[in-house]
């Protein structure tokens, strides 16, 4: 589990998206945006690292209430990304946002991490 740095968070605030140093870290990248007091985050934290490792996905976490940029990041999350719940999970494949969700079960999360293959026909 990696922590989003202040520089990476400020890039997201300015550019409205995380930079290549996050989204291109591996073929699959998971970014969890949360606050340290969130009970759903505490529940997910018990299994999310293992599930990401099994799926060969890189996991980044940002507990944004612990930073000076809290208000700015909250505006990005709520007003730009239109998500007011926590934890907020963004999943990237090949550098592009492929899914986003809030708290889900471990099984549902594992299913979201599986690569999708184009329909054949």
C-alpha atoms as a PDB file:
ATOM      1  CA  UNK A   1       0.000   0.000   0.000  1.00  0.00           C
ATOM      2  CA  UNK A   2       1.409   3.355  -1.066  1.00  0.00           C
ATOM      3  CA  UNK A   3       0.430   6.744   0.240  1.00  0.00           C
ATOM      4  CA  UNK A   4      -0.490   9.552  -2.137  1.00  0.00           C
ATOM      5  CA  UNK A   5       2.085  12.267  -1.600  1.00  0.00           C
ATOM      6  CA  UNK A   6       1.245  15.922  -1.103  1.00  0.00           C
ATOM      7  CA  UNK A   7       2.701  16.623  -4.559  1.00  0.00           C
ATOM      8  CA  UNK A   8       0.504  13.932  -6.168  1.00  0.00           C
ATOM      9  CA  UNK A   9      -2.606  15.220  -4.373  1.00  0.00           C
ATOM     10  CA  UNK A  10      -1.898  18.813  -5.394  1.00  0.00           C
ATOM     11  CA  UNK A  11      -1.421  17.689  -9.004  1.00  0.00           C
ATOM     12  CA  UNK A  12      -4.864  16.055  -8.868  1.00  0.00           C
ATOM     13  CA  UNK A  13      -6.383  19.225  -7.410  1.00  0.00           C
ATOM     14  CA  UNK A  14      -4.827  21.398 -10.135  1.00  0.00           C
ATOM     15  CA  UNK A  15      -5.308  19.074 -13.116  1.00  0.00           C
ATOM     16  CA  UNK A  16      -8.551  17.382 -11.938  1.00  0.00           C
ATOM     17  CA  UNK A  17      -6.883  13.971 -12.216  1.00  0.00           C
ATOM     18  CA  UNK A  18      -3.915  12.098 -10.822  1.00  0.00           C
ATOM     19  CA  UNK A  19      -0.705  12.214 -12.818  1.00  0.00           C
ATOM     20  CA  UNK A  20       1.098   9.462 -14.672  1.00  0.00           C
ATOM     21  CA  UNK A  21       3.229   8.770 -11.596  1.00  0.00           C
ATOM     22  CA  UNK A  22       0.045   7.335 -10.044  1.00  0.00           C
ATOM     23  CA  UNK A  23      -2.223   6.080 -12.833  1.00  0.00           C
ATOM     24  CA  UNK A  24       0.585   4.528 -14.900  1.00  0.00           C
ATOM     25  CA  UNK A  25       2.355   2.874 -11.957  1.00  0.00           C
ATOM     26  CA  UNK A  26       1.188  -0.551 -13.202  1.00  0.00           C
ATOM     27  CA  UNK A  27      -1.402  -2.061 -15.561  1.00  0.00           C
ATOM     28  CA  UNK A  28      -4.016  -1.805 -12.804  1.00  0.00           C
ATOM     29  CA  UNK A  29      -3.995   0.926 -10.173  1.00  0.00           C
ATOM     30  CA  UNK A  30      -6.414   1.417  -7.293  1.00  0.00           C
ATOM     31  CA  UNK A  31      -6.666   4.782  -5.540  1.00  0.00           C
ATOM     32  CA  UNK A  32      -8.634   4.900  -2.285  1.00  0.00           C
ATOM     33  CA  UNK A  33      -9.660   8.388  -1.187  1.00  0.00           C
ATOM     34  CA  UNK A  34     -10.923   8.460   2.368  1.00  0.00           C
ATOM     35  CA  UNK A  35     -10.728   9.971   5.814  1.00  0.00           C
ATOM     36  CA  UNK A  36      -8.941   8.232   8.646  1.00  0.00           C
ATOM     37  CA  UNK A  37     -12.046   7.978  10.873  1.00  0.00           C
ATOM     38  CA  UNK A  38     -14.250   6.238   8.264  1.00  0.00           C
ATOM     39  CA  UNK A  39     -15.563   2.844   9.524  1.00  0.00           C
ATOM     40  CA  UNK A  40     -16.057   1.512   5.986  1.00  0.00           C
ATOM     41  CA  UNK A  41     -12.424   2.331   5.222  1.00  0.00           C
ATOM     42  CA  UNK A  42     -11.335   0.484   8.354  1.00  0.00           C
ATOM     43  CA  UNK A  43     -13.292  -2.569   7.173  1.00  0.00           C
ATOM     44  CA  UNK A  44     -11.835  -2.404   3.640  1.00  0.00           C
ATOM     45  CA  UNK A  45      -8.324  -1.842   4.925  1.00  0.00           C
ATOM     46  CA  UNK A  46      -8.388  -5.369   6.370  1.00  0.00           C
ATOM     47  CA  UNK A  47      -8.550  -6.988   2.909  1.00  0.00           C
ATOM     48  CA  UNK A  48      -7.904  -4.460   0.144  1.00  0.00           C
ATOM     49  CA  UNK A  49      -4.110  -4.797   0.095  1.00  0.00           C
ATOM     50  CA  UNK A  50      -4.296  -8.571  -0.247  1.00  0.00           C
ATOM     51  CA  UNK A  51      -6.966  -8.358  -2.933  1.00  0.00           C
ATOM     52  CA  UNK A  52      -4.926  -5.825  -4.935  1.00  0.00           C
ATOM     53  CA  UNK A  53      -1.818  -7.994  -4.640  1.00  0.00           C
ATOM     54  CA  UNK A  54      -3.729 -11.060  -5.890  1.00  0.00           C
ATOM     55  CA  UNK A  55      -4.902  -9.015  -8.892  1.00  0.00           C
ATOM     56  CA  UNK A  56      -1.410  -7.584  -9.504  1.00  0.00           C
ATOM     57  CA  UNK A  57      -2.751  -4.056  -8.923  1.00  0.00           C
ATOM     58  CA  UNK A  58      -0.902  -1.196  -7.268  1.00  0.00           C
ATOM     59  CA  UNK A  59      -2.766   0.326  -4.332  1.00  0.00           C
ATOM     60  CA  UNK A  60      -2.538   4.007  -3.389  1.00  0.00           C
ATOM     61  CA  UNK A  61      -4.360   5.488  -0.386  1.00  0.00           C
ATOM     62  CA  UNK A  62      -5.045   9.109   0.463  1.00  0.00           C
ATOM     63  CA  UNK A  63      -6.549   9.978   3.853  1.00  0.00           C
ATOM     64  CA  UNK A  64      -7.107  13.552   2.810  1.00  0.00           C
ATOM     65  CA  UNK A  65      -8.462  14.821   6.144  1.00  0.00           C
ATOM     66  CA  UNK A  66      -4.920  14.493   7.505  1.00  0.00           C
ATOM     67  CA  UNK A  67      -3.483  17.094   5.101  1.00  0.00           C
ATOM     68  CA  UNK A  68      -3.362  20.869   4.760  1.00  0.00           C
ATOM     69  CA  UNK A  69      -5.074  20.575   1.377  1.00  0.00           C
ATOM     70  CA  UNK A  70      -8.179  18.965   2.937  1.00  0.00           C
ATOM     71  CA  UNK A  71     -10.706  21.589   1.763  1.00  0.00           C
ATOM     72  CA  UNK A  72      -9.265  21.753  -1.756  1.00  0.00           C
ATOM     73  CA  UNK A  73      -9.188  17.987  -2.119  1.00  0.00           C
ATOM     74  CA  UNK A  74     -12.708  17.640  -0.721  1.00  0.00           C
ATOM     75  CA  UNK A  75     -13.944  20.116  -3.366  1.00  0.00           C
ATOM     76  CA  UNK A  76     -12.219  18.065  -6.102  1.00  0.00           C
ATOM     77  CA  UNK A  77     -13.794  14.854  -4.879  1.00  0.00           C
ATOM     78  CA  UNK A  78     -17.272  16.236  -4.282  1.00  0.00           C
ATOM     79  CA  UNK A  79     -17.670  18.910  -6.955  1.00  0.00           C
ATOM     80  CA  UNK A  80     -15.493  17.692  -9.849  1.00  0.00           C
ATOM     81  CA  UNK A  81     -15.696  13.921  -9.376  1.00  0.00           C
ATOM     82  CA  UNK A  82     -19.252  14.254  -7.998  1.00  0.00           C
ATOM     83  CA  UNK A  83     -18.723  11.837  -5.108  1.00  0.00           C
ATOM     84  CA  UNK A  84     -19.745  12.733  -1.571  1.00  0.00           C
ATOM     85  CA  UNK A  85     -19.266   9.338   0.069  1.00  0.00           C
ATOM     86  CA  UNK A  86     -16.200   7.715   1.583  1.00  0.00           C
ATOM     87  CA  UNK A  87     -14.256   5.725   0.908  1.00  0.00           C
ATOM     88  CA  UNK A  88     -14.164   6.665  -2.754  1.00  0.00           C
ATOM     89  CA  UNK A  89     -12.279   4.156  -4.895  1.00  0.00           C
ATOM     90  CA  UNK A  90     -10.943   4.924  -8.380  1.00  0.00           C
ATOM     91  CA  UNK A  91      -9.627   2.038 -10.504  1.00  0.00           C
ATOM     92  CA  UNK A  92      -7.352   2.728 -13.455  1.00  0.00           C
ATOM     93  CA  UNK A  93      -6.341   0.343 -16.243  1.00  0.00           C
ATOM     94  CA  UNK A  94      -3.554   1.296 -18.623  1.00  0.00           C
ATOM     95  CA  UNK A  95      -3.577   4.823 -17.202  1.00  0.00           C
ATOM     96  CA  UNK A  96      -7.311   5.434 -17.752  1.00  0.00           C
ATOM     97  CA  UNK A  97     -10.136   5.466 -15.230  1.00  0.00           C
ATOM     98  CA  UNK A  98     -12.022   2.204 -15.717  1.00  0.00           C
ATOM     99  CA  UNK A  99     -14.275   2.103 -12.635  1.00  0.00           C
ATOM    100  CA  UNK A 100     -15.136   4.100  -9.595  1.00  0.00           C
ATOM    101  CA  UNK A 101     -17.117   3.050  -6.582  1.00  0.00           C
ATOM    102  CA  UNK A 102     -17.553   3.561  -2.891  1.00  0.00           C
ATOM    103  CA  UNK A 103     -17.473   0.868  -0.238  1.00  0.00           C
ATOM    104  CA  UNK A 104     -18.046  -2.578  -1.727  1.00  0.00           C
ATOM    105  CA  UNK A 105     -17.583  -6.115  -0.481  1.00  0.00           C
ATOM    106  CA  UNK A 106     -14.295  -7.895  -1.031  1.00  0.00           C
ATOM    107  CA  UNK A 107     -15.865 -10.175  -3.656  1.00  0.00           C
ATOM    108  CA  UNK A 108     -17.342  -7.244  -5.595  1.00  0.00           C
ATOM    109  CA  UNK A 109     -14.036  -5.382  -5.423  1.00  0.00           C
ATOM    110  CA  UNK A 110     -12.142  -8.439  -6.714  1.00  0.00           C
ATOM    111  CA  UNK A 111     -14.600  -8.658  -9.617  1.00  0.00           C
ATOM    112  CA  UNK A 112     -13.987  -4.985 -10.476  1.00  0.00           C
ATOM    113  CA  UNK A 113     -10.250  -5.651 -10.625  1.00  0.00           C
ATOM    114  CA  UNK A 114     -10.558  -8.446 -13.178  1.00  0.00           C
ATOM    115  CA  UNK A 115      -9.589  -7.328 -16.683  1.00  0.00           C
ATOM    116  CA  UNK A 116     -12.426  -7.120 -19.115  1.00  0.00           C
ATOM    117  CA  UNK A 117     -11.963  -8.634 -22.519  1.00  0.00           C
ATOM    118  CA  UNK A 118     -13.650  -7.136 -25.568  1.00  0.00           C
ATOM    119  CA  UNK A 119     -16.560  -9.085 -26.962  1.00  0.00           C
ATOM    120  CA  UNK A 120     -15.650 -11.409 -29.762  1.00  0.00           C
ATOM    121  CA  UNK A 121     -17.800 -11.892 -32.693  1.00  0.00           C
END
